[in-house]
Amino acid sequence: MGQDGTDGRPDRKEDDSVLTKVKPKLQKPPMYKVLLLNDDYTPMEFVVAVLQKFFGKNETEAVEIMMTVHRKGIGLCGIYTYEVAETKVSQVMAYAKKHEYPLQCTMEKE
């Protein structure tokens, strides 16, 4: 032992226990699907415009999603964290309301 009462090793306390770092376990945030629902009144062109404006889809992707919504009644716009998905749903709903269309947009946990 050294003159200061320790064994001279800086990584040990006087009681001879080892100091360790605890790494927190990181988890990926839950993801949410943003979905468009079909209705009988919203024009297909408006749905394509929404997909391009709010989801960054090119024309081909937007038309494919719009046709899925038209044929199957529902279509996937994208998968996002909760906050981003919630914002996109709100933006689409406000935009549809502003243009007086009943287009519905929703989100569900992946």
C-alpha atoms as a PDB file:
ATOM      1  CA  MET A   1       0.000   0.000   0.000  1.00  0.00           C
ATOM      2  CA  GLY A   2       1.050   3.550  -0.673  1.00  0.00           C
ATOM      3  CA  GLN A   3       1.581   6.205   1.951  1.00  0.00           C
ATOM      4  CA  ASP A   4      -1.887   7.653   1.259  1.00  0.00           C
ATOM      5  CA  GLY A   5      -3.595   4.425   2.386  1.00  0.00           C
ATOM      6  CA  THR A   6      -4.568   3.219  -1.108  1.00  0.00           C
ATOM      7  CA  ASP A   7      -3.030   0.478  -3.163  1.00  0.00           C
ATOM      8  CA  GLY A   8      -1.884   3.047  -5.741  1.00  0.00           C
ATOM      9  CA  ARG A   9      -4.372   2.039  -8.444  1.00  0.00           C
ATOM     10  CA  PRO A  10      -6.568   4.953  -9.558  1.00  0.00           C
ATOM     11  CA  ASP A  11      -9.490   2.739 -10.642  1.00  0.00           C
ATOM     12  CA  ARG A  12     -10.197   1.452  -7.164  1.00  0.00           C
ATOM     13  CA  LYS A  13     -11.791   3.065  -4.137  1.00  0.00           C
ATOM     14  CA  GLU A  14     -10.406   2.591  -0.653  1.00  0.00           C
ATOM     15  CA  ASP A  15     -12.926  -0.190  -0.059  1.00  0.00           C
ATOM     16  CA  ASP A  16     -11.347  -2.101  -2.985  1.00  0.00           C
ATOM     17  CA  SER A  17     -14.501  -2.052  -5.181  1.00  0.00           C
ATOM     18  CA  VAL A  18     -14.118  -1.527  -8.923  1.00  0.00           C
ATOM     19  CA  LEU A  19     -15.702   1.519 -10.556  1.00  0.00           C
ATOM     20  CA  THR A  20     -17.660   0.653 -13.687  1.00  0.00           C
ATOM     21  CA  LYS A  21     -19.597   2.662 -16.214  1.00  0.00           C
ATOM     22  CA  VAL A  22     -23.165   1.596 -16.831  1.00  0.00           C
ATOM     23  CA  LYS A  23     -24.254   2.105 -20.436  1.00  0.00           C
ATOM     24  CA  PRO A  24     -27.964   2.797 -20.848  1.00  0.00           C
ATOM     25  CA  LYS A  25     -29.764   0.502 -23.256  1.00  0.00           C
ATOM     26  CA  LEU A  26     -31.073   2.520 -26.166  1.00  0.00           C
ATOM     27  CA  GLN A  27     -34.273   1.483 -27.880  1.00  0.00           C
ATOM     28  CA  LYS A  28     -35.565   2.605 -31.225  1.00  0.00           C
ATOM     29  CA  PRO A  29     -38.705   4.732 -30.892  1.00  0.00           C
ATOM     30  CA  PRO A  30     -41.966   3.048 -31.894  1.00  0.00           C
ATOM     31  CA  MET A  31     -42.936   3.784 -35.471  1.00  0.00           C
ATOM     32  CA  TYR A  32     -46.346   4.699 -36.852  1.00  0.00           C
ATOM     33  CA  LYS A  33     -47.932   4.122 -40.246  1.00  0.00           C
ATOM     34  CA  VAL A  34     -49.687   7.095 -41.820  1.00  0.00           C
ATOM     35  CA  LEU A  35     -52.663   5.948 -43.898  1.00  0.00           C
ATOM     36  CA  LEU A  36     -55.085   7.562 -46.321  1.00  0.00           C
ATOM     37  CA  LEU A  37     -58.669   6.302 -46.449  1.00  0.00           C
ATOM     38  CA  ASN A  38     -60.839   6.178 -49.547  1.00  0.00           C
ATOM     39  CA  ASP A  39     -64.003   8.214 -49.951  1.00  0.00           C
ATOM     40  CA  ASP A  40     -66.385   8.830 -52.827  1.00  0.00           C
ATOM     41  CA  TYR A  41     -65.827  12.589 -53.107  1.00  0.00           C
ATOM     42  CA  THR A  42     -62.138  13.504 -52.989  1.00  0.00           C
ATOM     43  CA  PRO A  43     -60.709  13.709 -56.540  1.00  0.00           C
ATOM     44  CA  MET A  44     -57.824  11.405 -57.388  1.00  0.00           C
ATOM     45  CA  GLU A  45     -55.755  14.392 -58.493  1.00  0.00           C
ATOM     46  CA  PHE A  46     -56.129  15.949 -55.038  1.00  0.00           C
ATOM     47  CA  VAL A  47     -54.916  12.740 -53.360  1.00  0.00           C
ATOM     48  CA  VAL A  48     -51.881  12.655 -55.677  1.00  0.00           C
ATOM     49  CA  ALA A  49     -51.138  16.295 -54.821  1.00  0.00           C
ATOM     50  CA  VAL A  50     -51.388  15.532 -51.068  1.00  0.00           C
ATOM     51  CA  LEU A  51     -48.967  12.627 -51.407  1.00  0.00           C
ATOM     52  CA  GLN A  52     -46.484  14.808 -53.245  1.00  0.00           C
ATOM     53  CA  LYS A  53     -46.866  17.848 -50.984  1.00  0.00           C
ATOM     54  CA  PHE A  54     -46.837  16.182 -47.555  1.00  0.00           C
ATOM     55  CA  PHE A  55     -45.040  12.887 -48.131  1.00  0.00           C
ATOM     56  CA  GLY A  56     -42.462  13.837 -50.745  1.00  0.00           C
ATOM     57  CA  LYS A  57     -43.655  11.242 -53.251  1.00  0.00           C
ATOM     58  CA  ASN A  58     -42.835  11.621 -56.907  1.00  0.00           C
ATOM     59  CA  GLU A  59     -45.722  11.456 -59.374  1.00  0.00           C
ATOM     60  CA  THR A  60     -45.349   7.728 -60.072  1.00  0.00           C
ATOM     61  CA  GLU A  61     -45.282   6.798 -56.373  1.00  0.00           C
ATOM     62  CA  ALA A  62     -48.177   9.126 -55.601  1.00  0.00           C
ATOM     63  CA  VAL A  63     -50.336   7.652 -58.371  1.00  0.00           C
ATOM     64  CA  GLU A  64     -49.563   4.097 -57.190  1.00  0.00           C
ATOM     65  CA  ILE A  65     -50.545   4.914 -53.605  1.00  0.00           C
ATOM     66  CA  MET A  66     -53.653   6.775 -54.745  1.00  0.00           C
ATOM     67  CA  MET A  67     -54.722   3.749 -56.818  1.00  0.00           C
ATOM     68  CA  THR A  68     -54.169   1.478 -53.813  1.00  0.00           C
ATOM     69  CA  VAL A  69     -56.402   3.769 -51.741  1.00  0.00           C
ATOM     70  CA  HIS A  70     -58.995   3.747 -54.535  1.00  0.00           C
ATOM     71  CA  ARG A  71     -58.986  -0.042 -54.992  1.00  0.00           C
ATOM     72  CA  LYS A  72     -58.420  -1.297 -51.456  1.00  0.00           C
ATOM     73  CA  GLY A  73     -59.937   1.539 -49.432  1.00  0.00           C
ATOM     74  CA  ILE A  74     -56.686   2.353 -47.630  1.00  0.00           C
ATOM     75  CA  GLY A  75     -53.102   3.172 -48.577  1.00  0.00           C
ATOM     76  CA  LEU A  76     -49.796   3.578 -46.770  1.00  0.00           C
ATOM     77  CA  CYS A  77     -48.205   7.015 -47.128  1.00  0.00           C
ATOM     78  CA  GLY A  78     -45.158   6.397 -44.949  1.00  0.00           C
ATOM     79  CA  ILE A  79     -43.819   5.210 -41.604  1.00  0.00           C
ATOM     80  CA  TYR A  80     -42.606   7.767 -39.068  1.00  0.00           C
ATOM     81  CA  THR A  81     -41.965   8.428 -35.403  1.00  0.00           C
ATOM     82  CA  TYR A  82     -45.060   9.389 -33.410  1.00  0.00           C
ATOM     83  CA  GLU A  83     -44.488  13.134 -33.560  1.00  0.00           C
ATOM     84  CA  VAL A  84     -43.804  13.202 -37.298  1.00  0.00           C
ATOM     85  CA  ALA A  85     -46.779  10.928 -38.060  1.00  0.00           C
ATOM     86  CA  GLU A  86     -49.089  13.049 -35.901  1.00  0.00           C
ATOM     87  CA  THR A  87     -47.928  16.222 -37.652  1.00  0.00           C
ATOM     88  CA  LYS A  88     -48.456  14.746 -41.127  1.00  0.00           C
ATOM     89  CA  VAL A  89     -51.967  13.536 -40.234  1.00  0.00           C
ATOM     90  CA  SER A  90     -52.855  17.001 -38.913  1.00  0.00           C
ATOM     91  CA  GLN A  91     -51.432  18.734 -41.987  1.00  0.00           C
ATOM     92  CA  VAL A  92     -53.320  16.474 -44.414  1.00  0.00           C
ATOM     93  CA  MET A  93     -56.592  16.812 -42.518  1.00  0.00           C
ATOM     94  CA  ALA A  94     -56.299  20.624 -42.360  1.00  0.00           C
ATOM     95  CA  TYR A  95     -55.397  20.814 -46.056  1.00  0.00           C
ATOM     96  CA  ALA A  96     -58.345  18.605 -47.056  1.00  0.00           C
ATOM     97  CA  LYS A  97     -60.719  20.622 -44.881  1.00  0.00           C
ATOM     98  CA  LYS A  98     -59.433  23.891 -46.355  1.00  0.00           C
ATOM     99  CA  HIS A  99     -60.227  22.552 -49.830  1.00  0.00           C
ATOM    100  CA  GLU A 100     -63.583  21.161 -48.626  1.00  0.00           C
ATOM    101  CA  TYR A 101     -62.804  17.491 -49.235  1.00  0.00           C
ATOM    102  CA  PRO A 102     -63.659  14.716 -46.779  1.00  0.00           C
ATOM    103  CA  LEU A 103     -60.279  12.982 -47.227  1.00  0.00           C
ATOM    104  CA  GLN A 104     -59.348  11.096 -44.059  1.00  0.00           C
ATOM    105  CA  CYS A 105     -55.810  10.486 -42.891  1.00  0.00           C
ATOM    106  CA  THR A 106     -54.963   8.396 -39.855  1.00  0.00           C
ATOM    107  CA  MET A 107     -52.052   6.735 -38.103  1.00  0.00           C
ATOM    108  CA  GLU A 108     -51.545   3.422 -36.390  1.00  0.00           C
ATOM    109  CA  LYS A 109     -48.681   1.833 -34.518  1.00  0.00           C
ATOM    110  CA  GLU A 110     -46.537  -0.394 -36.693  1.00  0.00           C
END
